Amino acid sequence: MTSYAFPNDLVQAQRAWDTAYRQLSQEEDPARTTVLRRTLQRLSVRIATHPYWATIPGGAPAARMALKQQTWEPDPQEVRR
């Protein structure tokens, strides 16, 4: 299995995306739902257009999945707070 050295800003953006996605799945307030959907769109663009992906010729799909898997679990530093 290939190991990737993701830049910190990309990892943070993916963690924020995961958090917003989880919040959206539980949200009932239509106004808050709109805010979360817009947040997901903004973060999706930031993640998809990050310059890091250009450094992985042909390996971007596997790297994107590795990023998602790495960030799906809550950040250990956030859990301690």
PDB file of N, CA and C in Angstrom:
ATOM      1  N   MET A   1       0.847  -1.183   0.000  1.00  0.00           N
ATOM      2  CA  MET A   1       0.000   0.000   0.000  1.00  0.00           C
ATOM      3  C   MET A   1       0.891   1.243   0.000  1.00  0.00           C
ATOM      4  N   THR A   2       0.557   2.185  -0.846  1.00  0.00           N
ATOM      5  CA  THR A   2       1.327   3.414  -0.973  1.00  0.00           C
ATOM      6  C   THR A   2       0.992   4.364   0.161  1.00  0.00           C
ATOM      7  N   SER A   3       2.015   5.021   0.664  1.00  0.00           N
ATOM      8  CA  SER A   3       1.828   6.021   1.716  1.00  0.00           C
ATOM      9  C   SER A   3       1.958   7.404   1.091  1.00  0.00           C
ATOM     10  N   TYR A   4       1.101   8.309   1.491  1.00  0.00           N
ATOM     11  CA  TYR A   4       1.096   9.658   0.931  1.00  0.00           C
ATOM     12  C   TYR A   4       1.401  10.667   2.034  1.00  0.00           C
ATOM     13  N   ALA A   5       2.153  11.684   1.667  1.00  0.00           N
ATOM     14  CA  ALA A   5       2.461  12.777   2.599  1.00  0.00           C
ATOM     15  C   ALA A   5       1.583  13.964   2.230  1.00  0.00           C
ATOM     16  N   PHE A   6       0.351  13.944   2.734  1.00  0.00           N
ATOM     17  CA  PHE A   6      -0.596  15.002   2.393  1.00  0.00           C
ATOM     18  C   PHE A   6      -0.226  16.303   3.098  1.00  0.00           C
ATOM     19  N   PRO A   7      -0.353  17.426   2.394  1.00  0.00           N
ATOM     20  CA  PRO A   7      -0.109  18.710   3.056  1.00  0.00           C
ATOM     21  C   PRO A   7      -1.158  18.956   4.144  1.00  0.00           C
ATOM     22  N   ASN A   8      -0.756  19.643   5.186  1.00  0.00           N
ATOM     23  CA  ASN A   8      -1.628  19.881   6.327  1.00  0.00           C
ATOM     24  C   ASN A   8      -2.923  20.602   5.930  1.00  0.00           C
ATOM     25  N   ASP A   9      -2.833  21.596   5.037  1.00  0.00           N
ATOM     26  CA  ASP A   9      -4.042  22.331   4.661  1.00  0.00           C
ATOM     27  C   ASP A   9      -5.040  21.440   3.921  1.00  0.00           C
ATOM     28  N   LEU A  10      -4.540  20.470   3.162  1.00  0.00           N
ATOM     29  CA  LEU A  10      -5.429  19.539   2.464  1.00  0.00           C
ATOM     30  C   LEU A  10      -6.106  18.594   3.458  1.00  0.00           C
ATOM     31  N   VAL A  11      -5.365  18.111   4.426  1.00  0.00           N
ATOM     32  CA  VAL A  11      -5.927  17.239   5.462  1.00  0.00           C
ATOM     33  C   VAL A  11      -6.985  17.998   6.263  1.00  0.00           C
ATOM     34  N   GLN A  12      -6.688  19.237   6.619  1.00  0.00           N
ATOM     35  CA  GLN A  12      -7.650  20.044   7.379  1.00  0.00           C
ATOM     36  C   GLN A  12      -8.926  20.287   6.579  1.00  0.00           C
ATOM     37  N   ALA A  13      -8.781  20.566   5.288  1.00  0.00           N
ATOM     38  CA  ALA A  13      -9.958  20.782   4.440  1.00  0.00           C
ATOM     39  C   ALA A  13     -10.806  19.514   4.359  1.00  0.00           C
ATOM     40  N   GLN A  14     -10.159  18.353   4.230  1.00  0.00           N
ATOM     41  CA  GLN A  14     -10.911  17.096   4.160  1.00  0.00           C
ATOM     42  C   GLN A  14     -11.594  16.798   5.490  1.00  0.00           C
ATOM     43  N   ARG A  15     -10.925  17.071   6.602  1.00  0.00           N
ATOM     44  CA  ARG A  15     -11.547  16.871   7.923  1.00  0.00           C
ATOM     45  C   ARG A  15     -12.768  17.788   8.085  1.00  0.00           C
ATOM     46  N   ALA A  16     -12.631  19.033   7.640  1.00  0.00           N
ATOM     47  CA  ALA A  16     -13.752  19.976   7.712  1.00  0.00           C
ATOM     48  C   ALA A  16     -14.908  19.487   6.845  1.00  0.00           C
ATOM     49  N   TRP A  17     -14.593  18.925   5.677  1.00  0.00           N
ATOM     50  CA  TRP A  17     -15.626  18.387   4.790  1.00  0.00           C
ATOM     51  C   TRP A  17     -16.361  17.239   5.484  1.00  0.00           C
ATOM     52  N   ASP A  18     -15.594  16.323   6.086  1.00  0.00           N
ATOM     53  CA  ASP A  18     -16.199  15.183   6.790  1.00  0.00           C
ATOM     54  C   ASP A  18     -17.114  15.651   7.922  1.00  0.00           C
ATOM     55  N   THR A  19     -16.665  16.646   8.662  1.00  0.00           N
ATOM     56  CA  THR A  19     -17.449  17.185   9.779  1.00  0.00           C
ATOM     57  C   THR A  19     -18.745  17.810   9.275  1.00  0.00           C
ATOM     58  N   ALA A  20     -18.645  18.621   8.221  1.00  0.00           N
ATOM     59  CA  ALA A  20     -19.835  19.261   7.661  1.00  0.00           C
ATOM     60  C   ALA A  20     -20.805  18.219   7.116  1.00  0.00           C
ATOM     61  N   TYR A  21     -20.285  17.173   6.508  1.00  0.00           N
ATOM     62  CA  TYR A  21     -21.127  16.109   5.967  1.00  0.00           C
ATOM     63  C   TYR A  21     -21.897  15.409   7.088  1.00  0.00           C
ATOM     64  N   ARG A  22     -21.201  15.109   8.166  1.00  0.00           N
ATOM     65  CA  ARG A  22     -21.870  14.464   9.312  1.00  0.00           C
ATOM     66  C   ARG A  22     -22.939  15.378   9.905  1.00  0.00           C
ATOM     67  N   GLN A  23     -22.616  16.658  10.029  1.00  0.00           N
ATOM     68  CA  GLN A  23     -23.586  17.605  10.576  1.00  0.00           C
ATOM     69  C   GLN A  23     -24.807  17.707   9.673  1.00  0.00           C
ATOM     70  N   LEU A  24     -24.582  17.741   8.368  1.00  0.00           N
ATOM     71  CA  LEU A  24     -25.689  17.843   7.420  1.00  0.00           C
ATOM     72  C   LEU A  24     -26.613  16.631   7.526  1.00  0.00           C
ATOM     73  N   SER A  25     -26.044  15.469   7.765  1.00  0.00           N
ATOM     74  CA  SER A  25     -26.868  14.255   7.841  1.00  0.00           C
ATOM     75  C   SER A  25     -27.796  14.259   9.054  1.00  0.00           C
ATOM     76  N   GLN A  26     -27.493  15.101  10.042  1.00  0.00           N
ATOM     77  CA  GLN A  26     -28.303  15.143  11.258  1.00  0.00           C
ATOM     78  C   GLN A  26     -29.111  16.427  11.397  1.00  0.00           C
ATOM     79  N   GLU A  27     -28.928  17.350  10.461  1.00  0.00           N
ATOM     80  CA  GLU A  27     -29.558  18.667  10.580  1.00  0.00           C
ATOM     81  C   GLU A  27     -31.012  18.646  10.139  1.00  0.00           C
ATOM     82  N   GLU A  28     -31.845  19.359  10.873  1.00  0.00           N
ATOM     83  CA  GLU A  28     -33.261  19.462  10.531  1.00  0.00           C
ATOM     84  C   GLU A  28     -33.663  20.879  10.149  1.00  0.00           C
ATOM     85  N   ASP A  29     -32.891  21.870  10.558  1.00  0.00           N
ATOM     86  CA  ASP A  29     -33.200  23.269  10.262  1.00  0.00           C
ATOM     87  C   ASP A  29     -32.830  23.587   8.809  1.00  0.00           C
ATOM     88  N   PRO A  30     -33.819  23.969   7.987  1.00  0.00           N
ATOM     89  CA  PRO A  30     -33.541  24.245   6.568  1.00  0.00           C
ATOM     90  C   PRO A  30     -32.488  25.337   6.354  1.00  0.00           C
ATOM     91  N   ALA A  31     -32.472  26.348   7.177  1.00  0.00           N
ATOM     92  CA  ALA A  31     -31.483  27.414   7.021  1.00  0.00           C
ATOM     93  C   ALA A  31     -30.079  26.882   7.269  1.00  0.00           C
ATOM     94  N   ARG A  32     -29.932  26.080   8.278  1.00  0.00           N
ATOM     95  CA  ARG A  32     -28.617  25.495   8.604  1.00  0.00           C
ATOM     96  C   ARG A  32     -28.207  24.480   7.539  1.00  0.00           C
ATOM     97  N   THR A  33     -29.173  23.771   6.978  1.00  0.00           N
ATOM     98  CA  THR A  33     -28.900  22.822   5.907  1.00  0.00           C
ATOM     99  C   THR A  33     -28.280  23.540   4.707  1.00  0.00           C
ATOM    100  N   THR A  34     -28.826  24.705   4.378  1.00  0.00           N
ATOM    101  CA  THR A  34     -28.295  25.487   3.260  1.00  0.00           C
ATOM    102  C   THR A  34     -26.853  25.904   3.518  1.00  0.00           C
ATOM    103  N   VAL A  35     -26.581  26.357   4.722  1.00  0.00           N
ATOM    104  CA  VAL A  35     -25.220  26.764   5.084  1.00  0.00           C
ATOM    105  C   VAL A  35     -24.262  25.578   4.966  1.00  0.00           C
ATOM    106  N   LEU A  36     -24.666  24.434   5.458  1.00  0.00           N
ATOM    107  CA  LEU A  36     -23.804  23.256   5.403  1.00  0.00           C
ATOM    108  C   LEU A  36     -23.569  22.793   3.969  1.00  0.00           C
ATOM    109  N   ARG A  37     -24.582  22.854   3.126  1.00  0.00           N
ATOM    110  CA  ARG A  37     -24.414  22.464   1.717  1.00  0.00           C
ATOM    111  C   ARG A  37     -23.438  23.397   1.012  1.00  0.00           C
ATOM    112  N   ARG A  38     -23.546  24.682   1.294  1.00  0.00           N
ATOM    113  CA  ARG A  38     -22.610  25.641   0.696  1.00  0.00           C
ATOM    114  C   ARG A  38     -21.192  25.407   1.209  1.00  0.00           C
ATOM    115  N   THR A  39     -21.081  25.073   2.474  1.00  0.00           N
ATOM    116  CA  THR A  39     -19.772  24.759   3.051  1.00  0.00           C
ATOM    117  C   THR A  39     -19.168  23.543   2.355  1.00  0.00           C
ATOM    118  N   LEU A  40     -19.984  22.512   2.141  1.00  0.00           N
ATOM    119  CA  LEU A  40     -19.499  21.310   1.453  1.00  0.00           C
ATOM    120  C   LEU A  40     -19.042  21.632   0.030  1.00  0.00           C
ATOM    121  N   GLN A  41     -19.794  22.477  -0.666  1.00  0.00           N
ATOM    122  CA  GLN A  41     -19.406  22.848  -2.030  1.00  0.00           C
ATOM    123  C   GLN A  41     -18.074  23.594  -2.037  1.00  0.00           C
ATOM    124  N   ARG A  42     -17.915  24.541  -1.132  1.00  0.00           N
ATOM    125  CA  ARG A  42     -16.681  25.330  -1.059  1.00  0.00           C
ATOM    126  C   ARG A  42     -15.494  24.434  -0.740  1.00  0.00           C
ATOM    127  N   LEU A  43     -15.665  23.548   0.233  1.00  0.00           N
ATOM    128  CA  LEU A  43     -14.582  22.645   0.607  1.00  0.00           C
ATOM    129  C   LEU A  43     -14.283  21.641  -0.504  1.00  0.00           C
ATOM    130  N   SER A  44     -15.294  21.182  -1.205  1.00  0.00           N
ATOM    131  CA  SER A  44     -15.088  20.251  -2.318  1.00  0.00           C
ATOM    132  C   SER A  44     -14.200  20.872  -3.391  1.00  0.00           C
ATOM    133  N   VAL A  45     -14.456  22.126  -3.705  1.00  0.00           N
ATOM    134  CA  VAL A  45     -13.638  22.824  -4.696  1.00  0.00           C
ATOM    135  C   VAL A  45     -12.210  22.982  -4.183  1.00  0.00           C
ATOM    136  N   ARG A  46     -12.053  23.378  -2.924  1.00  0.00           N
ATOM    137  CA  ARG A  46     -10.722  23.543  -2.343  1.00  0.00           C
ATOM    138  C   ARG A  46      -9.933  22.231  -2.389  1.00  0.00           C
ATOM    139  N   ILE A  47     -10.602  21.130  -2.066  1.00  0.00           N
ATOM    140  CA  ILE A  47      -9.931  19.823  -2.062  1.00  0.00           C
ATOM    141  C   ILE A  47      -9.601  19.377  -3.486  1.00  0.00           C
ATOM    142  N   ALA A  48     -10.568  19.458  -4.371  1.00  0.00           N
ATOM    143  CA  ALA A  48     -10.386  18.963  -5.742  1.00  0.00           C
ATOM    144  C   ALA A  48      -9.350  19.749  -6.533  1.00  0.00           C
ATOM    145  N   THR A  49      -9.193  21.029  -6.228  1.00  0.00           N
ATOM    146  CA  THR A  49      -8.264  21.859  -7.000  1.00  0.00           C
ATOM    147  C   THR A  49      -6.937  22.093  -6.285  1.00  0.00           C
ATOM    148  N   HIS A  50      -6.713  21.368  -5.209  1.00  0.00           N
ATOM    149  CA  HIS A  50      -5.471  21.565  -4.457  1.00  0.00           C
ATOM    150  C   HIS A  50      -4.270  21.184  -5.330  1.00  0.00           C
ATOM    151  N   PRO A  51      -3.213  21.987  -5.300  1.00  0.00           N
ATOM    152  CA  PRO A  51      -2.031  21.708  -6.132  1.00  0.00           C
ATOM    153  C   PRO A  51      -1.361  20.359  -5.853  1.00  0.00           C
ATOM    154  N   TYR A  52      -1.596  19.797  -4.699  1.00  0.00           N
ATOM    155  CA  TYR A  52      -0.986  18.509  -4.352  1.00  0.00           C
ATOM    156  C   TYR A  52      -1.322  17.431  -5.379  1.00  0.00           C
ATOM    157  N   TRP A  53      -2.543  17.436  -5.897  1.00  0.00           N
ATOM    158  CA  TRP A  53      -2.969  16.379  -6.813  1.00  0.00           C
ATOM    159  C   TRP A  53      -2.132  16.357  -8.084  1.00  0.00           C
ATOM    160  N   ALA A  54      -1.580  17.493  -8.476  1.00  0.00           N
ATOM    161  CA  ALA A  54      -0.755  17.554  -9.682  1.00  0.00           C
ATOM    162  C   ALA A  54       0.597  16.864  -9.474  1.00  0.00           C
ATOM    163  N   THR A  55       0.964  16.607  -8.240  1.00  0.00           N
ATOM    164  CA  THR A  55       2.253  15.967  -7.962  1.00  0.00           C
ATOM    165  C   THR A  55       2.167  14.447  -7.991  1.00  0.00           C
ATOM    166  N   ILE A  56       0.990  13.907  -8.217  1.00  0.00           N
ATOM    167  CA  ILE A  56       0.791  12.459  -8.217  1.00  0.00           C
ATOM    168  C   ILE A  56       0.267  12.026  -9.584  1.00  0.00           C
ATOM    169  N   PRO A  57       1.138  11.950 -10.583  1.00  0.00           N
ATOM    170  CA  PRO A  57       0.672  11.573 -11.916  1.00  0.00           C
ATOM    171  C   PRO A  57       0.108  10.154 -11.933  1.00  0.00           C
ATOM    172  N   GLY A  58      -1.133  10.044 -12.354  1.00  0.00           N
ATOM    173  CA  GLY A  58      -1.773   8.743 -12.470  1.00  0.00           C
ATOM    174  C   GLY A  58      -2.209   8.109 -11.165  1.00  0.00           C
ATOM    175  N   GLY A  59      -1.786   8.660 -10.045  1.00  0.00           N
ATOM    176  CA  GLY A  59      -2.120   8.064  -8.765  1.00  0.00           C
ATOM    177  C   GLY A  59      -3.136   8.846  -7.969  1.00  0.00           C
ATOM    178  N   ALA A  60      -3.689   9.877  -8.560  1.00  0.00           N
ATOM    179  CA  ALA A  60      -4.597  10.747  -7.817  1.00  0.00           C
ATOM    180  C   ALA A  60      -5.834  10.027  -7.274  1.00  0.00           C
ATOM    181  N   PRO A  61      -6.510   9.156  -8.032  1.00  0.00           N
ATOM    182  CA  PRO A  61      -7.687   8.494  -7.460  1.00  0.00           C
ATOM    183  C   PRO A  61      -7.372   7.690  -6.196  1.00  0.00           C
ATOM    184  N   ALA A  62      -6.286   6.946  -6.212  1.00  0.00           N
ATOM    185  CA  ALA A  62      -5.910   6.169  -5.028  1.00  0.00           C
ATOM    186  C   ALA A  62      -5.530   7.097  -3.881  1.00  0.00           C
ATOM    187  N   ALA A  63      -4.849   8.194  -4.197  1.00  0.00           N
ATOM    188  CA  ALA A  63      -4.454   9.154  -3.169  1.00  0.00           C
ATOM    189  C   ALA A  63      -5.683   9.842  -2.569  1.00  0.00           C
ATOM    190  N   ARG A  64      -6.652  10.147  -3.387  1.00  0.00           N
ATOM    191  CA  ARG A  64      -7.888  10.780  -2.874  1.00  0.00           C
ATOM    192  C   ARG A  64      -8.611   9.843  -1.915  1.00  0.00           C
ATOM    193  N   MET A  65      -8.653   8.568  -2.248  1.00  0.00           N
ATOM    194  CA  MET A  65      -9.283   7.602  -1.344  1.00  0.00           C
ATOM    195  C   MET A  65      -8.479   7.472  -0.059  1.00  0.00           C
ATOM    196  N   ALA A  66      -7.167   7.494  -0.166  1.00  0.00           N
ATOM    197  CA  ALA A  66      -6.323   7.405   1.029  1.00  0.00           C
ATOM    198  C   ALA A  66      -6.543   8.615   1.931  1.00  0.00           C
ATOM    199  N   LEU A  67      -6.701   9.785   1.331  1.00  0.00           N
ATOM    200  CA  LEU A  67      -6.980  10.990   2.118  1.00  0.00           C
ATOM    201  C   LEU A  67      -8.306  10.851   2.850  1.00  0.00           C
ATOM    202  N   LYS A  68      -9.332  10.393   2.152  1.00  0.00           N
ATOM    203  CA  LYS A  68     -10.648  10.218   2.772  1.00  0.00           C
ATOM    204  C   LYS A  68     -10.585   9.206   3.921  1.00  0.00           C
ATOM    205  N   GLN A  69      -9.877   8.110   3.697  1.00  0.00           N
ATOM    206  CA  GLN A  69      -9.764   7.094   4.741  1.00  0.00           C
ATOM    207  C   GLN A  69      -8.993   7.620   5.947  1.00  0.00           C
ATOM    208  N   GLN A  70      -7.956   8.385   5.673  1.00  0.00           N
ATOM    209  CA  GLN A  70      -7.139   8.933   6.758  1.00  0.00           C
ATOM    210  C   GLN A  70      -7.920   9.920   7.616  1.00  0.00           C
ATOM    211  N   THR A  71      -8.798  10.671   7.006  1.00  0.00           N
ATOM    212  CA  THR A  71      -9.493  11.741   7.736  1.00  0.00           C
ATOM    213  C   THR A  71     -10.882  11.370   8.203  1.00  0.00           C
ATOM    214  N   TRP A  72     -11.386  10.223   7.827  1.00  0.00           N
ATOM    215  CA  TRP A  72     -12.759   9.877   8.208  1.00  0.00           C
ATOM    216  C   TRP A  72     -12.911   9.774   9.719  1.00  0.00           C
ATOM    217  N   GLU A  73     -11.907   9.237  10.382  1.00  0.00           N
ATOM    218  CA  GLU A  73     -11.948   9.167  11.837  1.00  0.00           C
ATOM    219  C   GLU A  73     -11.697  10.565  12.402  1.00  0.00           C
ATOM    220  N   PRO A  74     -12.300  10.893  13.531  1.00  0.00           N
ATOM    221  CA  PRO A  74     -12.073  12.216  14.125  1.00  0.00           C
ATOM    222  C   PRO A  74     -10.595  12.448  14.431  1.00  0.00           C
ATOM    223  N   ASP A  75     -10.181  13.698  14.317  1.00  0.00           N
ATOM    224  CA  ASP A  75      -8.808  14.087  14.622  1.00  0.00           C
ATOM    225  C   ASP A  75      -8.544  13.806  16.100  1.00  0.00           C
ATOM    226  N   PRO A  76      -7.502  13.036  16.435  1.00  0.00           N
ATOM    227  CA  PRO A  76      -7.232  12.719  17.839  1.00  0.00           C
ATOM    228  C   PRO A  76      -7.067  13.959  18.707  1.00  0.00           C
ATOM    229  N   GLN A  77      -6.523  15.032  18.159  1.00  0.00           N
ATOM    230  CA  GLN A  77      -6.374  16.265  18.916  1.00  0.00           C
ATOM    231  C   GLN A  77      -7.730  16.890  19.218  1.00  0.00           C
ATOM    232  N   GLU A  78      -8.678  16.751  18.294  1.00  0.00           N
ATOM    233  CA  GLU A  78     -10.024  17.295  18.528  1.00  0.00           C
ATOM    234  C   GLU A  78     -10.756  16.489  19.581  1.00  0.00           C
ATOM    235  N   VAL A  79     -10.544  15.189  19.623  1.00  0.00           N
ATOM    236  CA  VAL A  79     -11.222  14.329  20.582  1.00  0.00           C
ATOM    237  C   VAL A  79     -10.783  14.670  22.009  1.00  0.00           C
ATOM    238  N   ARG A  80      -9.511  15.047  22.176  1.00  0.00           N
ATOM    239  CA  ARG A  80      -8.975  15.356  23.502  1.00  0.00           C
ATOM    240  C   ARG A  80      -9.527  16.651  24.086  1.00  0.00           C
ATOM    241  N   ARG A  81     -10.021  17.523  23.259  1.00  0.00           N
ATOM    242  CA  ARG A  81     -10.492  18.834  23.747  1.00  0.00           C
ATOM    243  C   ARG A  81     -11.753  18.735  24.536  1.00  0.00           C
TER     244      ARG A  81
END
